[in-house]
Structures are given as C-alpha cells and as structure tokens.
Amino acid sequence: MRTPVLLAALGLLSLPLGACGFTPLYAAPGVSPGLSAVETIAPEGRTGALLRESLDDALARDARPAEWRLELTLKEARIPRGRRPDGVASRYEYVVTANWKLVSRADGATATEGMSVAEVTFDRAEQPYAAIAAQQDAEQKVADELARKIQMELAVWMLKRNG
C-alpha cells in the first residue's frame, strides 16, 4: 500500500522538471555522437591502458572513423600513509594527474585541453598477492574516476560548442 502512494508522490514531484527546461546533458544534439568520435591516445603502462579502456567505455567509442584525438599524459604518485609502530606504511594514497588535450583529426588544432586528478587510498596487505590485488584495484578505480571526469569535461565542451 505504501509503494503506490510513494510512486504517485514521486510522479507529482517530477512534474515541475518538465516545465523548467531541464534537459539531460546527453540529450543535447551533438554531444553523444561527438563523444563517440573521440579516439583515446594514452601513454604506455598499466594505468594508461586502464584509462584508455575506461575512456572508450565512458565515451561509447564506436567503429566509425574518429573526428577527434584525445592525447593524455599521466603523472602517478603513491604516497605512504598510516604508519605502523615499526615505521612501515599500512596504507597508501594513490594519486594520478591526467593532462589531456582534444585535437581535431581534420587540421591537427587543439580544440580544448584540461587537467583532471583522481586519488584513492588502499591498505597495504601483509600477503604479497593481497598487496598486488589492492594496488591493481586502486589503479582501476583511479582510471574509472579519471575517465568520468574527462568525459564530463568533454561533454560540457561539446555542448557549448554546438550551441
């Protein structure tokens, strides 16, 4: 009995959104097709490969020829935190800074550029396999977060560009 009342209340509360001119970012003309036409060029290494995969997923990269090239440079830092009594770090902060620029494939001109930063923390495990797994999990989380941030900045730029 509570569910129908709750659904009705949510429906009534959402009515003003239609009148306020709210439009989802990806509903704007040219944003989704523009994002899927971006080819990611990432630096060598595990984090670069993970970021390229996350960006291809986030931008919904398709098979048509790319109109844009997203060039990335990464700076990684692993900072020890939370020291044990014997002085060994029990936790690490993993910070990755991505400097990126969007380059037109047609004329090679830089259309926009930016910098995105993502950081996660992870525990240092005593067992070697667990320590490797924790670090790899942190790398994946950082790549996913950077991809999300870059995707949003590119979507906003394309929205402004397309008017």
Protein backbone atom coordinates (compact mmCIF):
# COMPACT_ATOMS: atom_id res chain seq x y z
CA MET A 1 0.00 0.00 0.00
CA ARG A 2 2.87 2.36 0.72
CA THR A 3 4.53 1.78 -2.67
CA PRO A 4 1.70 3.18 -4.85
CA VAL A 5 1.46 6.28 -2.66
CA LEU A 6 5.22 6.79 -2.83
CA LEU A 7 5.26 6.37 -6.62
CA ALA A 8 2.41 8.83 -7.00
CA ALA A 9 4.20 11.38 -4.82
CA LEU A 10 7.42 10.99 -6.82
CA GLY A 11 5.48 11.39 -10.05
CA LEU A 12 3.91 14.62 -8.84
CA LEU A 13 7.24 15.96 -7.63
CA SER A 14 8.85 15.32 -11.03
CA LEU A 15 6.25 17.33 -12.99
CA PRO A 16 7.99 20.69 -12.44
CA LEU A 17 11.16 19.35 -14.08
CA GLY A 18 9.46 19.25 -17.47
CA ALA A 19 8.41 22.86 -17.18
CA CYS A 20 11.77 24.21 -16.03
CA GLY A 21 13.59 23.39 -19.27
CA PHE A 22 15.72 20.65 -17.72
CA THR A 23 17.48 18.66 -20.43
CA PRO A 24 19.89 15.83 -19.66
CA LEU A 25 23.42 16.56 -20.89
CA TYR A 26 23.43 13.61 -23.29
CA ALA A 27 20.08 14.64 -24.79
CA ALA A 28 21.68 17.75 -26.28
CA PRO A 29 22.26 17.39 -30.03
CA GLY A 30 25.80 16.52 -30.98
CA VAL A 31 27.08 15.51 -27.53
CA SER A 32 26.74 11.71 -27.69
CA PRO A 33 27.83 11.38 -31.35
CA GLY A 34 30.70 13.80 -30.68
CA LEU A 35 31.93 11.81 -27.68
CA SER A 36 31.79 8.50 -29.55
CA ALA A 37 34.01 10.01 -32.27
CA VAL A 38 36.94 10.53 -29.87
CA GLU A 39 39.96 8.23 -30.15
CA THR A 40 42.00 7.96 -26.94
CA ILE A 41 45.80 8.03 -27.13
CA ALA A 42 47.12 7.00 -23.71
CA PRO A 43 50.69 6.60 -22.50
CA GLU A 44 52.32 3.19 -22.13
CA GLY A 45 51.86 1.25 -18.91
CA ARG A 46 49.11 -0.36 -16.90
CA THR A 47 47.44 2.85 -15.74
CA GLY A 48 47.46 4.27 -19.28
CA ALA A 49 45.88 1.10 -20.67
CA LEU A 50 43.22 1.05 -17.93
CA LEU A 51 42.42 4.73 -18.53
CA ARG A 52 42.13 4.18 -22.29
CA GLU A 53 39.72 1.27 -21.72
CA SER A 54 37.66 3.29 -19.22
CA LEU A 55 37.51 6.28 -21.58
CA ASP A 56 36.48 4.11 -24.55
CA ASP A 57 33.64 2.75 -22.41
CA ALA A 58 32.67 6.15 -20.97
CA LEU A 59 32.70 7.87 -24.37
CA ALA A 60 30.89 4.94 -26.06
CA ARG A 61 33.57 4.78 -28.74
CA ASP A 62 32.16 3.26 -31.94
CA ALA A 63 33.65 1.83 -35.12
CA ARG A 64 33.31 4.91 -37.32
CA PRO A 65 36.42 6.98 -38.08
CA ALA A 66 37.41 9.27 -35.24
CA GLU A 67 36.97 13.02 -35.65
CA TRP A 68 38.97 13.81 -32.51
CA ARG A 69 42.11 12.53 -30.82
CA LEU A 70 42.35 12.71 -27.03
CA GLU A 71 46.02 12.84 -26.08
CA LEU A 72 46.89 12.03 -22.46
CA THR A 73 49.93 12.33 -20.24
CA LEU A 74 49.86 10.85 -16.75
CA LYS A 75 51.71 11.62 -13.55
CA GLU A 76 51.38 8.97 -10.83
CA ALA A 77 52.28 9.17 -7.13
CA ARG A 78 51.97 6.54 -4.42
CA ILE A 79 52.22 8.26 -1.04
CA PRO A 80 52.64 6.20 2.15
CA ARG A 81 50.10 6.99 4.88
CA GLY A 82 49.18 5.48 8.23
CA ARG A 83 52.46 4.23 9.67
CA ARG A 84 52.63 1.19 11.91
CA PRO A 85 54.73 1.21 15.12
CA ASP A 86 57.65 -0.30 13.17
CA GLY A 87 57.57 2.63 10.70
CA VAL A 88 56.18 0.69 7.73
CA ALA A 89 53.23 2.28 5.92
CA SER A 90 49.93 0.49 6.49
CA ARG A 91 48.02 2.50 3.91
CA TYR A 92 48.84 4.26 0.65
CA GLU A 93 47.32 7.16 -1.22
CA TYR A 94 47.46 6.71 -4.99
CA VAL A 95 47.16 9.98 -6.94
CA VAL A 96 47.09 10.25 -10.73
CA THR A 97 47.08 13.54 -12.62
CA ALA A 98 46.00 13.41 -16.26
CA ASN A 99 46.85 16.30 -18.55
CA TRP A 100 44.80 15.95 -21.70
CA LYS A 101 44.07 17.77 -24.91
CA LEU A 102 41.46 17.19 -27.58
CA VAL A 103 42.93 17.53 -31.06
CA SER A 104 40.98 17.75 -34.31
CA ARG A 105 41.94 14.98 -36.72
CA ALA A 106 41.00 17.26 -39.66
CA ASP A 107 43.51 20.06 -39.07
CA GLY A 108 45.56 18.99 -36.01
CA ALA A 109 44.45 22.01 -33.99
CA THR A 110 43.94 21.71 -30.24
CA ALA A 111 40.24 22.27 -29.56
CA THR A 112 40.32 22.14 -25.77
CA GLU A 113 42.58 20.89 -23.01
CA GLY A 114 42.50 20.32 -19.31
CA MET A 115 43.80 18.57 -16.25
CA SER A 116 41.98 16.01 -14.12
CA VAL A 117 43.10 14.49 -10.83
CA ALA A 118 41.87 11.34 -9.10
CA GLU A 119 43.02 9.77 -5.88
CA VAL A 120 42.21 6.66 -3.88
CA THR A 121 43.62 5.05 -0.78
CA PHE A 122 44.29 1.39 -0.22
CA ASP A 123 45.58 -0.82 2.57
CA ARG A 124 48.96 -2.46 2.45
CA ALA A 125 48.37 -6.13 2.99
CA GLU A 126 50.90 -8.49 4.55
CA GLN A 127 50.41 -11.23 1.95
CA PRO A 128 52.10 -10.47 -1.39
CA TYR A 129 49.13 -11.47 -3.56
CA ALA A 130 46.73 -9.38 -1.50
CA ALA A 131 49.06 -6.37 -1.73
CA ILE A 132 49.25 -6.67 -5.52
CA ALA A 133 45.47 -7.09 -5.78
CA ALA A 134 44.88 -4.00 -3.62
CA GLN A 135 47.20 -1.89 -5.75
CA GLN A 136 45.63 -3.10 -9.01
CA ASP A 137 42.17 -2.37 -7.63
CA ALA A 138 43.31 1.18 -6.78
CA GLU A 139 44.66 1.62 -10.32
CA GLN A 140 41.32 0.54 -11.81
CA LYS A 141 39.37 2.89 -9.52
CA VAL A 142 41.61 5.83 -10.41
CA ALA A 143 41.26 5.09 -14.13
CA ASP A 144 37.47 4.90 -13.86
CA GLU A 145 37.31 8.17 -11.90
CA LEU A 146 39.59 10.00 -14.34
CA ALA A 147 37.55 8.71 -17.27
CA ARG A 148 34.35 10.00 -15.66
CA LYS A 149 35.87 13.44 -15.03
CA ILE A 150 37.32 13.75 -18.54
CA GLN A 151 34.06 12.53 -20.08
CA MET A 152 32.09 15.22 -18.26
CA GLU A 153 34.51 17.99 -19.27
CA LEU A 154 34.40 16.88 -22.91
CA ALA A 155 30.59 16.65 -22.85
CA VAL A 156 30.29 20.19 -21.45
CA TRP A 157 32.75 21.48 -24.07
CA MET A 158 30.79 19.79 -26.89
CA LEU A 159 27.53 21.15 -25.54
CA LYS A 160 28.91 24.71 -25.53
CA ARG A 161 30.46 24.21 -28.97
CA ASN A 162 27.22 23.01 -30.50
CA GLY A 163 25.33 25.91 -29.00
